[in-house]
Amino acid sequence: MKNLANMFKEAQKLQERMNEMQARLAELEIEGSAGGGMVRVTMDGKGQMRKISIDRSLVDPEEVEILEDLILAAANDAKSKIEVRVQEEMAKLTGGLPLPPGMKLPF
């Protein structure tokens, strides 16, 4: 039974560290860019957009499709950077042990 109590204590510690990591990720800001930095998207660690910056030279009513593509590319760039950062944080938290398939943390 002592072993079971130790497992519960370790699980509590892991949960506390997970909560701390989620709080840090929520405050994190990661920038993605496209078009040589002419379009930049800033997201938080949960993937929510916080800011979009567009170089004024791109604003042309005749080329809206290009601007849309660049915004999409910048958002995808930021999102992929967030995923890498979350994986790095999870590796620190779990000591490098892989999570079971289908278990996506921290969200």
C-alpha atoms as a PDB file:
ATOM      1  CA  MET A   1       0.000   0.000   0.000  1.00  0.00           C
ATOM      2  CA  LYS A   2       2.927   2.322   0.664  1.00  0.00           C
ATOM      3  CA  ASN A   3       3.917   1.979  -2.986  1.00  0.00           C
ATOM      4  CA  LEU A   4       0.413   3.037  -4.065  1.00  0.00           C
ATOM      5  CA  ALA A   5       0.561   6.097  -1.796  1.00  0.00           C
ATOM      6  CA  ASN A   6       3.893   7.056  -3.361  1.00  0.00           C
ATOM      7  CA  MET A   7       2.360   6.712  -6.829  1.00  0.00           C
ATOM      8  CA  PHE A   8      -0.444   9.093  -5.856  1.00  0.00           C
ATOM      9  CA  LYS A   9       2.059  11.614  -4.483  1.00  0.00           C
ATOM     10  CA  GLU A  10       4.077  11.442  -7.706  1.00  0.00           C
ATOM     11  CA  ALA A  11       0.900  11.854  -9.760  1.00  0.00           C
ATOM     12  CA  GLN A  12       0.017  14.953  -7.727  1.00  0.00           C
ATOM     13  CA  LYS A  13       3.476  16.397  -8.294  1.00  0.00           C
ATOM     14  CA  LEU A  14       3.193  15.714 -12.006  1.00  0.00           C
ATOM     15  CA  GLN A  15      -0.208  17.418 -12.097  1.00  0.00           C
ATOM     16  CA  GLU A  16       1.210  20.480 -10.328  1.00  0.00           C
ATOM     17  CA  ARG A  17       4.118  20.664 -12.782  1.00  0.00           C
ATOM     18  CA  MET A  18       1.664  20.246 -15.667  1.00  0.00           C
ATOM     19  CA  ASN A  19      -0.436  23.157 -14.366  1.00  0.00           C
ATOM     20  CA  GLU A  20       2.697  25.301 -14.073  1.00  0.00           C
ATOM     21  CA  MET A  21       3.715  24.399 -17.613  1.00  0.00           C
ATOM     22  CA  GLN A  22       0.263  25.286 -18.951  1.00  0.00           C
ATOM     23  CA  ALA A  23       0.435  28.677 -17.240  1.00  0.00           C
ATOM     24  CA  ARG A  24       3.880  29.331 -18.775  1.00  0.00           C
ATOM     25  CA  LEU A  25       2.647  28.290 -22.219  1.00  0.00           C
ATOM     26  CA  ALA A  26      -0.395  30.571 -21.966  1.00  0.00           C
ATOM     27  CA  GLU A  27       1.947  33.532 -21.406  1.00  0.00           C
ATOM     28  CA  LEU A  28       4.323  32.482 -24.183  1.00  0.00           C
ATOM     29  CA  GLU A  29       4.278  34.452 -27.424  1.00  0.00           C
ATOM     30  CA  ILE A  30       5.670  32.907 -30.597  1.00  0.00           C
ATOM     31  CA  GLU A  31       5.938  34.691 -33.909  1.00  0.00           C
ATOM     32  CA  GLY A  32       5.579  33.089 -37.299  1.00  0.00           C
ATOM     33  CA  SER A  33       6.373  34.894 -40.520  1.00  0.00           C
ATOM     34  CA  ALA A  34       5.981  34.640 -44.272  1.00  0.00           C
ATOM     35  CA  GLY A  35       7.016  36.622 -47.308  1.00  0.00           C
ATOM     36  CA  GLY A  36      10.444  37.365 -45.910  1.00  0.00           C
ATOM     37  CA  GLY A  37       8.935  38.762 -42.712  1.00  0.00           C
ATOM     38  CA  MET A  38       6.446  41.013 -44.493  1.00  0.00           C
ATOM     39  CA  VAL A  39       3.590  39.182 -42.754  1.00  0.00           C
ATOM     40  CA  ARG A  40       3.994  38.228 -39.098  1.00  0.00           C
ATOM     41  CA  VAL A  41       1.553  36.425 -36.827  1.00  0.00           C
ATOM     42  CA  THR A  42       2.027  36.229 -33.069  1.00  0.00           C
ATOM     43  CA  MET A  43       0.295  33.422 -31.159  1.00  0.00           C
ATOM     44  CA  ASP A  44       0.215  32.394 -27.539  1.00  0.00           C
ATOM     45  CA  GLY A  45       1.272  28.953 -26.400  1.00  0.00           C
ATOM     46  CA  LYS A  46      -2.257  27.655 -26.829  1.00  0.00           C
ATOM     47  CA  GLY A  47      -2.369  28.627 -30.492  1.00  0.00           C
ATOM     48  CA  GLN A  48      -4.571  31.702 -30.123  1.00  0.00           C
ATOM     49  CA  MET A  49      -3.615  34.597 -32.400  1.00  0.00           C
ATOM     50  CA  ARG A  50      -2.594  37.698 -30.508  1.00  0.00           C
ATOM     51  CA  LYS A  51      -1.306  39.946 -33.277  1.00  0.00           C
ATOM     52  CA  ILE A  52      -0.986  40.202 -37.052  1.00  0.00           C
ATOM     53  CA  SER A  53       1.476  42.578 -38.695  1.00  0.00           C
ATOM     54  CA  ILE A  54       1.351  43.254 -42.440  1.00  0.00           C
ATOM     55  CA  ASP A  55       3.874  45.353 -44.340  1.00  0.00           C
ATOM     56  CA  ARG A  56       1.988  48.189 -46.013  1.00  0.00           C
ATOM     57  CA  SER A  57       3.557  47.435 -49.389  1.00  0.00           C
ATOM     58  CA  LEU A  58       1.484  44.231 -49.520  1.00  0.00           C
ATOM     59  CA  VAL A  59      -1.848  46.029 -49.281  1.00  0.00           C
ATOM     60  CA  ASP A  60      -3.093  46.017 -52.856  1.00  0.00           C
ATOM     61  CA  PRO A  61      -6.787  45.385 -53.576  1.00  0.00           C
ATOM     62  CA  GLU A  62      -5.808  43.631 -56.799  1.00  0.00           C
ATOM     63  CA  GLU A  63      -3.656  41.057 -54.963  1.00  0.00           C
ATOM     64  CA  VAL A  64      -5.783  40.056 -51.964  1.00  0.00           C
ATOM     65  CA  GLU A  65      -5.181  36.358 -52.632  1.00  0.00           C
ATOM     66  CA  ILE A  66      -1.425  36.763 -52.157  1.00  0.00           C
ATOM     67  CA  LEU A  67      -1.972  38.531 -48.845  1.00  0.00           C
ATOM     68  CA  GLU A  68      -4.380  35.821 -47.702  1.00  0.00           C
ATOM     69  CA  ASP A  69      -1.835  33.124 -48.573  1.00  0.00           C
ATOM     70  CA  LEU A  70       0.913  34.949 -46.679  1.00  0.00           C
ATOM     71  CA  ILE A  71      -1.261  35.351 -43.575  1.00  0.00           C
ATOM     72  CA  LEU A  72      -2.113  31.663 -43.673  1.00  0.00           C
ATOM     73  CA  ALA A  73       1.557  30.721 -44.103  1.00  0.00           C
ATOM     74  CA  ALA A  74       2.619  32.956 -41.194  1.00  0.00           C
ATOM     75  CA  ALA A  75      -0.095  31.514 -38.936  1.00  0.00           C
ATOM     76  CA  ASN A  76       0.952  27.959 -39.835  1.00  0.00           C
ATOM     77  CA  ASP A  77       4.590  28.850 -39.170  1.00  0.00           C
ATOM     78  CA  ALA A  78       3.718  30.170 -35.705  1.00  0.00           C
ATOM     79  CA  LYS A  79       1.557  27.122 -34.958  1.00  0.00           C
ATOM     80  CA  SER A  80       4.330  24.689 -35.893  1.00  0.00           C
ATOM     81  CA  LYS A  81       6.788  26.593 -33.670  1.00  0.00           C
ATOM     82  CA  ILE A  82       4.300  26.351 -30.792  1.00  0.00           C
ATOM     83  CA  GLU A  83       3.971  22.582 -31.302  1.00  0.00           C
ATOM     84  CA  VAL A  84       7.760  22.190 -31.152  1.00  0.00           C
ATOM     85  CA  ARG A  85       7.917  24.283 -27.972  1.00  0.00           C
ATOM     86  CA  VAL A  86       5.103  22.296 -26.330  1.00  0.00           C
ATOM     87  CA  GLN A  87       6.898  19.039 -27.176  1.00  0.00           C
ATOM     88  CA  GLU A  88      10.101  20.401 -25.645  1.00  0.00           C
ATOM     89  CA  GLU A  89       8.264  21.406 -22.471  1.00  0.00           C
ATOM     90  CA  MET A  90       6.514  18.031 -22.280  1.00  0.00           C
ATOM     91  CA  ALA A  91       9.850  16.226 -22.669  1.00  0.00           C
ATOM     92  CA  LYS A  92      11.191  18.204 -19.708  1.00  0.00           C
ATOM     93  CA  LEU A  93       8.089  17.388 -17.683  1.00  0.00           C
ATOM     94  CA  THR A  94       7.993  13.672 -18.463  1.00  0.00           C
ATOM     95  CA  GLY A  95      11.741  13.185 -18.346  1.00  0.00           C
ATOM     96  CA  GLY A  96      11.796  12.370 -22.059  1.00  0.00           C
ATOM     97  CA  LEU A  97       9.332   9.489 -21.764  1.00  0.00           C
ATOM     98  CA  PRO A  98       6.940   9.415 -24.713  1.00  0.00           C
ATOM     99  CA  LEU A  99       3.229   9.802 -24.026  1.00  0.00           C
ATOM    100  CA  PRO A 100       0.869   6.997 -25.015  1.00  0.00           C
ATOM    101  CA  PRO A 101      -0.575   7.356 -28.539  1.00  0.00           C
ATOM    102  CA  GLY A 102      -3.575   9.663 -28.622  1.00  0.00           C
ATOM    103  CA  MET A 103      -2.698  11.379 -25.360  1.00  0.00           C
ATOM    104  CA  LYS A 104      -2.210  15.024 -26.231  1.00  0.00           C
ATOM    105  CA  LEU A 105      -1.100  17.286 -23.454  1.00  0.00           C
ATOM    106  CA  PRO A 106      -1.391  19.950 -22.171  1.00  0.00           C
ATOM    107  CA  PHE A 107      -4.641  20.714 -24.043  1.00  0.00           C
END
